[in-house]
Amino acid sequence: MEIAIDAALDKKATDLVVLDLTGICSFTDRFIICTGGSRRQTQAVADNIAEKLKGAGLKPSHVEGQNEGSWILMDYVDFVVHIFKPQTREFYDLERLWRQGKRMAVPEAAPRA
C-alpha cells in the first residue's frame, strides 16, 4: 500500500486520504483516495501506481475508468485506489459515504532526487 501512496504522490496527486475499513467493508481493508487536477493527471497517477506495484509483484484484480479519467478505481483486493478529478470526488464524497472508516496517517513520500 505504501508503494501506491508514494507512486500517487510522485505524480503530484493531492488530498490523499487513507481509510481503514477493516470490519466495515466486506471487499477490501483500505481505500486510498486522491485527486488529480485533470484527466491527464489522473491517468498519469494510475499508470505510475500500476507500474510501481507491478514492479513489486502486484497486479490489480480490476481497473475501471482509466479511459475517462474522471474516477479511476484500481482494486488490489487488500486495498482499493480511487483517483478522482476534483468535481467528481466532491460529488461522490467517499469520505462521507465511508465515514465509519478510520482515517490513517499518510506516510511521507520518499525523498526525491
N, C-alpha and C. Protein backbone atom coordinates (compact mmCIF):
# COMPACT_ATOMS: atom_id res chain seq x y z
N MET A 1 0.81 -1.19 0.00
CA MET A 1 0.00 0.00 0.00
C MET A 1 0.87 1.26 0.00
N GLU A 2 1.97 1.23 0.73
CA GLU A 2 2.85 2.39 0.78
C GLU A 2 3.43 2.71 -0.59
N ILE A 3 3.66 1.67 -1.39
CA ILE A 3 4.17 1.88 -2.74
C ILE A 3 3.15 2.66 -3.57
N ALA A 4 1.89 2.32 -3.44
CA ALA A 4 0.83 3.01 -4.18
C ALA A 4 0.73 4.48 -3.73
N ILE A 5 0.83 4.70 -2.44
CA ILE A 5 0.77 6.07 -1.91
C ILE A 5 1.94 6.88 -2.45
N ASP A 6 3.12 6.32 -2.37
CA ASP A 6 4.32 7.01 -2.86
C ASP A 6 4.21 7.29 -4.36
N ALA A 7 3.70 6.32 -5.12
CA ALA A 7 3.56 6.49 -6.57
C ALA A 7 2.56 7.60 -6.89
N ALA A 8 1.48 7.68 -6.13
CA ALA A 8 0.49 8.75 -6.34
C ALA A 8 1.09 10.12 -6.04
N LEU A 9 1.78 10.20 -4.91
CA LEU A 9 2.40 11.47 -4.53
C LEU A 9 3.50 11.87 -5.51
N ASP A 10 4.19 10.88 -6.08
CA ASP A 10 5.23 11.14 -7.05
C ASP A 10 4.69 11.86 -8.29
N LYS A 11 3.44 11.59 -8.61
CA LYS A 11 2.79 12.23 -9.76
C LYS A 11 1.91 13.41 -9.33
N LYS A 12 2.19 13.92 -8.13
CA LYS A 12 1.56 15.15 -7.61
C LYS A 12 0.07 15.01 -7.33
N ALA A 13 -0.39 13.81 -6.98
CA ALA A 13 -1.77 13.65 -6.53
C ALA A 13 -1.93 14.49 -5.26
N THR A 14 -3.12 15.04 -5.07
CA THR A 14 -3.36 15.90 -3.90
C THR A 14 -4.46 15.30 -3.02
N ASP A 15 -4.59 15.88 -1.82
CA ASP A 15 -5.64 15.50 -0.87
C ASP A 15 -5.72 13.99 -0.66
N LEU A 16 -4.57 13.36 -0.49
CA LEU A 16 -4.53 11.91 -0.34
C LEU A 16 -5.02 11.52 1.05
N VAL A 17 -5.98 10.60 1.07
CA VAL A 17 -6.58 10.10 2.30
C VAL A 17 -6.55 8.58 2.26
N VAL A 18 -6.24 7.97 3.39
CA VAL A 18 -6.33 6.52 3.52
C VAL A 18 -7.38 6.21 4.58
N LEU A 19 -8.36 5.40 4.20
CA LEU A 19 -9.40 4.99 5.13
C LEU A 19 -9.23 3.52 5.47
N ASP A 20 -9.19 3.20 6.75
CA ASP A 20 -9.14 1.82 7.22
C ASP A 20 -10.58 1.34 7.35
N LEU A 21 -10.96 0.37 6.54
CA LEU A 21 -12.32 -0.13 6.51
C LEU A 21 -12.43 -1.53 7.09
N THR A 22 -11.41 -1.96 7.81
CA THR A 22 -11.39 -3.29 8.41
C THR A 22 -12.63 -3.47 9.29
N GLY A 23 -13.38 -4.54 9.05
CA GLY A 23 -14.57 -4.82 9.82
C GLY A 23 -15.81 -4.06 9.39
N ILE A 24 -15.64 -3.13 8.44
CA ILE A 24 -16.76 -2.32 7.95
C ILE A 24 -17.14 -2.73 6.54
N CYS A 25 -16.16 -3.09 5.78
CA CYS A 25 -16.31 -3.37 4.36
C CYS A 25 -15.96 -4.83 4.09
N SER A 26 -16.76 -5.50 3.27
CA SER A 26 -16.53 -6.92 3.01
C SER A 26 -15.57 -7.19 1.85
N PHE A 27 -15.27 -6.19 1.02
CA PHE A 27 -14.48 -6.46 -0.17
C PHE A 27 -13.06 -5.91 -0.13
N THR A 28 -12.71 -5.11 0.87
CA THR A 28 -11.35 -4.60 0.98
C THR A 28 -11.11 -4.11 2.41
N ASP A 29 -9.85 -3.90 2.74
CA ASP A 29 -9.49 -3.39 4.07
C ASP A 29 -9.27 -1.88 4.09
N ARG A 30 -8.83 -1.34 2.95
CA ARG A 30 -8.48 0.09 2.93
C ARG A 30 -8.82 0.73 1.59
N PHE A 31 -9.15 2.01 1.66
CA PHE A 31 -9.28 2.85 0.48
C PHE A 31 -8.13 3.85 0.49
N ILE A 32 -7.52 4.04 -0.65
CA ILE A 32 -6.62 5.16 -0.87
C ILE A 32 -7.37 6.09 -1.82
N ILE A 33 -7.60 7.31 -1.38
CA ILE A 33 -8.38 8.27 -2.17
C ILE A 33 -7.49 9.48 -2.44
N CYS A 34 -7.41 9.89 -3.71
CA CYS A 34 -6.61 11.07 -4.03
C CYS A 34 -7.22 11.78 -5.23
N THR A 35 -6.68 12.96 -5.51
CA THR A 35 -7.21 13.81 -6.56
C THR A 35 -6.11 14.18 -7.55
N GLY A 36 -6.49 14.20 -8.82
CA GLY A 36 -5.65 14.73 -9.89
C GLY A 36 -6.38 15.90 -10.52
N GLY A 37 -5.67 16.92 -10.92
CA GLY A 37 -6.28 18.14 -11.43
C GLY A 37 -6.92 18.03 -12.80
N SER A 38 -6.60 16.98 -13.54
CA SER A 38 -7.12 16.84 -14.90
C SER A 38 -7.19 15.36 -15.25
N ARG A 39 -7.86 15.05 -16.35
CA ARG A 39 -7.93 13.66 -16.81
C ARG A 39 -6.52 13.12 -17.06
N ARG A 40 -5.71 13.93 -17.66
CA ARG A 40 -4.34 13.52 -17.96
C ARG A 40 -3.57 13.18 -16.68
N GLN A 41 -3.75 13.99 -15.63
CA GLN A 41 -3.04 13.73 -14.38
C GLN A 41 -3.59 12.49 -13.69
N THR A 42 -4.92 12.30 -13.67
CA THR A 42 -5.44 11.10 -13.02
C THR A 42 -4.92 9.85 -13.72
N GLN A 43 -4.84 9.90 -15.03
CA GLN A 43 -4.31 8.76 -15.78
C GLN A 43 -2.82 8.54 -15.49
N ALA A 44 -2.05 9.63 -15.36
CA ALA A 44 -0.63 9.51 -15.04
C ALA A 44 -0.44 8.92 -13.64
N VAL A 45 -1.28 9.33 -12.70
CA VAL A 45 -1.21 8.79 -11.34
C VAL A 45 -1.50 7.29 -11.38
N ALA A 46 -2.57 6.91 -12.08
CA ALA A 46 -2.94 5.50 -12.18
C ALA A 46 -1.84 4.68 -12.86
N ASP A 47 -1.29 5.20 -13.93
CA ASP A 47 -0.21 4.50 -14.64
C ASP A 47 1.00 4.29 -13.74
N ASN A 48 1.35 5.31 -12.97
CA ASN A 48 2.52 5.21 -12.09
C ASN A 48 2.27 4.21 -10.97
N ILE A 49 1.07 4.23 -10.41
CA ILE A 49 0.74 3.26 -9.37
C ILE A 49 0.82 1.84 -9.92
N ALA A 50 0.22 1.62 -11.08
CA ALA A 50 0.23 0.28 -11.69
C ALA A 50 1.66 -0.18 -11.97
N GLU A 51 2.49 0.73 -12.49
CA GLU A 51 3.87 0.38 -12.82
C GLU A 51 4.68 0.03 -11.57
N LYS A 52 4.55 0.86 -10.53
CA LYS A 52 5.33 0.62 -9.31
C LYS A 52 4.87 -0.65 -8.59
N LEU A 53 3.56 -0.88 -8.56
CA LEU A 53 3.07 -2.08 -7.89
C LEU A 53 3.39 -3.33 -8.70
N LYS A 54 3.36 -3.22 -10.02
CA LYS A 54 3.75 -4.36 -10.86
C LYS A 54 5.21 -4.73 -10.59
N GLY A 55 6.05 -3.72 -10.41
CA GLY A 55 7.46 -3.96 -10.08
C GLY A 55 7.62 -4.66 -8.74
N ALA A 56 6.62 -4.52 -7.86
CA ALA A 56 6.64 -5.18 -6.56
C ALA A 56 5.87 -6.51 -6.60
N GLY A 57 5.46 -6.91 -7.81
CA GLY A 57 4.78 -8.19 -7.97
C GLY A 57 3.28 -8.15 -7.74
N LEU A 58 2.68 -6.96 -7.73
CA LEU A 58 1.23 -6.84 -7.52
C LEU A 58 0.54 -6.36 -8.79
N LYS A 59 -0.55 -7.03 -9.13
CA LYS A 59 -1.37 -6.61 -10.26
C LYS A 59 -2.79 -6.40 -9.77
N PRO A 60 -3.49 -5.40 -10.30
CA PRO A 60 -4.87 -5.18 -9.85
C PRO A 60 -5.78 -6.30 -10.31
N SER A 61 -6.76 -6.62 -9.47
CA SER A 61 -7.75 -7.61 -9.89
C SER A 61 -8.77 -6.97 -10.82
N HIS A 62 -8.89 -5.63 -10.74
CA HIS A 62 -9.86 -4.93 -11.57
C HIS A 62 -9.48 -3.45 -11.65
N VAL A 63 -9.67 -2.85 -12.82
CA VAL A 63 -9.46 -1.41 -13.01
C VAL A 63 -10.65 -0.87 -13.79
N GLU A 64 -11.17 0.27 -13.35
CA GLU A 64 -12.28 0.94 -14.05
C GLU A 64 -11.95 2.41 -14.25
N GLY A 65 -12.46 2.98 -15.33
CA GLY A 65 -12.40 4.41 -15.54
C GLY A 65 -11.11 4.95 -16.11
N GLN A 66 -10.19 4.09 -16.50
CA GLN A 66 -8.89 4.54 -16.99
C GLN A 66 -9.02 5.44 -18.22
N ASN A 67 -9.90 5.10 -19.13
CA ASN A 67 -10.04 5.90 -20.36
C ASN A 67 -10.70 7.25 -20.10
N GLU A 68 -11.73 7.27 -19.26
CA GLU A 68 -12.43 8.52 -18.98
C GLU A 68 -11.62 9.43 -18.08
N GLY A 69 -10.99 8.84 -17.06
CA GLY A 69 -10.09 9.59 -16.18
C GLY A 69 -10.76 10.47 -15.15
N SER A 70 -12.08 10.43 -15.05
CA SER A 70 -12.77 11.25 -14.07
C SER A 70 -12.73 10.59 -12.68
N TRP A 71 -12.88 9.26 -12.67
CA TRP A 71 -12.76 8.46 -11.44
C TRP A 71 -12.13 7.14 -11.85
N ILE A 72 -10.91 6.94 -11.48
CA ILE A 72 -10.21 5.69 -11.79
C ILE A 72 -10.17 4.86 -10.51
N LEU A 73 -10.65 3.64 -10.61
CA LEU A 73 -10.68 2.71 -9.49
C LEU A 73 -9.73 1.57 -9.82
N MET A 74 -8.81 1.29 -8.88
CA MET A 74 -7.85 0.21 -9.05
C MET A 74 -7.97 -0.71 -7.83
N ASP A 75 -8.46 -1.93 -8.06
CA ASP A 75 -8.72 -2.87 -6.97
C ASP A 75 -7.54 -3.84 -6.81
N TYR A 76 -6.86 -3.71 -5.68
CA TYR A 76 -5.76 -4.60 -5.35
C TYR A 76 -6.14 -5.55 -4.22
N VAL A 77 -7.43 -5.81 -4.04
CA VAL A 77 -8.06 -6.70 -3.07
C VAL A 77 -7.89 -6.18 -1.63
N ASP A 78 -6.66 -6.14 -1.11
CA ASP A 78 -6.45 -5.65 0.25
C ASP A 78 -6.67 -4.14 0.35
N PHE A 79 -6.49 -3.45 -0.75
CA PHE A 79 -6.76 -2.01 -0.80
C PHE A 79 -7.28 -1.64 -2.18
N VAL A 80 -8.08 -0.58 -2.21
CA VAL A 80 -8.63 -0.07 -3.46
C VAL A 80 -8.20 1.39 -3.59
N VAL A 81 -7.65 1.72 -4.75
CA VAL A 81 -7.21 3.09 -5.02
C VAL A 81 -8.30 3.79 -5.82
N HIS A 82 -8.68 4.98 -5.36
CA HIS A 82 -9.65 5.83 -6.05
C HIS A 82 -8.93 7.12 -6.43
N ILE A 83 -8.86 7.40 -7.73
CA ILE A 83 -8.22 8.62 -8.21
C ILE A 83 -9.30 9.45 -8.90
N PHE A 84 -9.57 10.62 -8.37
CA PHE A 84 -10.66 11.46 -8.84
C PHE A 84 -10.18 12.76 -9.44
N LYS A 85 -10.97 13.28 -10.38
CA LYS A 85 -10.90 14.71 -10.71
C LYS A 85 -11.65 15.42 -9.60
N PRO A 86 -11.32 16.69 -9.31
CA PRO A 86 -11.91 17.37 -8.15
C PRO A 86 -13.44 17.35 -8.08
N GLN A 87 -14.11 17.70 -9.16
CA GLN A 87 -15.57 17.77 -9.12
C GLN A 87 -16.21 16.39 -8.92
N THR A 88 -15.58 15.36 -9.46
CA THR A 88 -16.11 14.00 -9.29
C THR A 88 -15.92 13.54 -7.85
N ARG A 89 -14.77 13.86 -7.27
CA ARG A 89 -14.53 13.49 -5.87
C ARG A 89 -15.54 14.18 -4.96
N GLU A 90 -15.78 15.44 -5.22
CA GLU A 90 -16.74 16.18 -4.41
C GLU A 90 -18.15 15.58 -4.54
N PHE A 91 -18.52 15.21 -5.75
CA PHE A 91 -19.86 14.67 -6.00
C PHE A 91 -20.07 13.34 -5.26
N TYR A 92 -19.12 12.41 -5.38
CA TYR A 92 -19.29 11.09 -4.78
C TYR A 92 -18.93 11.06 -3.29
N ASP A 93 -18.05 11.93 -2.85
CA ASP A 93 -17.72 12.12 -1.43
C ASP A 93 -17.57 10.80 -0.67
N LEU A 94 -16.64 9.99 -1.11
CA LEU A 94 -16.42 8.68 -0.46
C LEU A 94 -16.06 8.81 1.01
N GLU A 95 -15.38 9.89 1.38
CA GLU A 95 -15.02 10.08 2.78
C GLU A 95 -16.27 10.19 3.65
N ARG A 96 -17.31 10.82 3.15
CA ARG A 96 -18.57 10.90 3.90
C ARG A 96 -19.31 9.58 3.85
N LEU A 97 -19.36 8.97 2.66
CA LEU A 97 -20.07 7.71 2.48
C LEU A 97 -19.49 6.61 3.38
N TRP A 98 -18.17 6.60 3.52
CA TRP A 98 -17.47 5.60 4.34
C TRP A 98 -16.93 6.24 5.62
N ARG A 99 -17.68 7.17 6.20
CA ARG A 99 -17.22 7.92 7.37
C ARG A 99 -16.96 7.04 8.59
N GLN A 100 -17.50 5.83 8.62
CA GLN A 100 -17.22 4.93 9.72
C GLN A 100 -15.78 4.43 9.68
N GLY A 101 -15.15 4.53 8.51
CA GLY A 101 -13.76 4.13 8.38
C GLY A 101 -12.85 5.07 9.14
N LYS A 102 -11.76 4.52 9.63
CA LYS A 102 -10.80 5.33 10.39
C LYS A 102 -9.76 5.91 9.42
N ARG A 103 -9.57 7.23 9.50
CA ARG A 103 -8.52 7.86 8.69
C ARG A 103 -7.17 7.45 9.24
N MET A 104 -6.32 7.03 8.35
CA MET A 104 -4.98 6.61 8.73
C MET A 104 -3.98 7.69 8.38
N ALA A 105 -2.89 7.72 9.11
CA ALA A 105 -1.81 8.66 8.78
C ALA A 105 -1.24 8.27 7.43
N VAL A 106 -0.99 9.26 6.61
CA VAL A 106 -0.41 9.02 5.28
C VAL A 106 1.09 9.08 5.41
N PRO A 107 1.79 8.00 5.05
CA PRO A 107 3.26 8.03 5.12
C PRO A 107 3.83 9.13 4.23
N GLU A 108 4.89 9.71 4.66
CA GLU A 108 5.57 10.72 3.86
C GLU A 108 6.12 10.08 2.59
N ALA A 109 6.11 10.83 1.53
CA ALA A 109 6.70 10.35 0.28
C ALA A 109 8.20 10.23 0.47
N ALA A 110 8.78 9.28 -0.22
CA ALA A 110 10.22 9.11 -0.18
C ALA A 110 10.88 10.35 -0.77
N PRO A 111 12.02 10.75 -0.24
CA PRO A 111 12.71 11.93 -0.79
C PRO A 111 13.03 11.73 -2.26
N ARG A 112 12.84 12.78 -3.02
CA ARG A 112 13.10 12.72 -4.47
C ARG A 112 14.49 13.28 -4.76
N ALA A 113 15.15 12.65 -5.70
CA ALA A 113 16.49 13.11 -6.08
C ALA A 113 16.41 14.32 -6.97
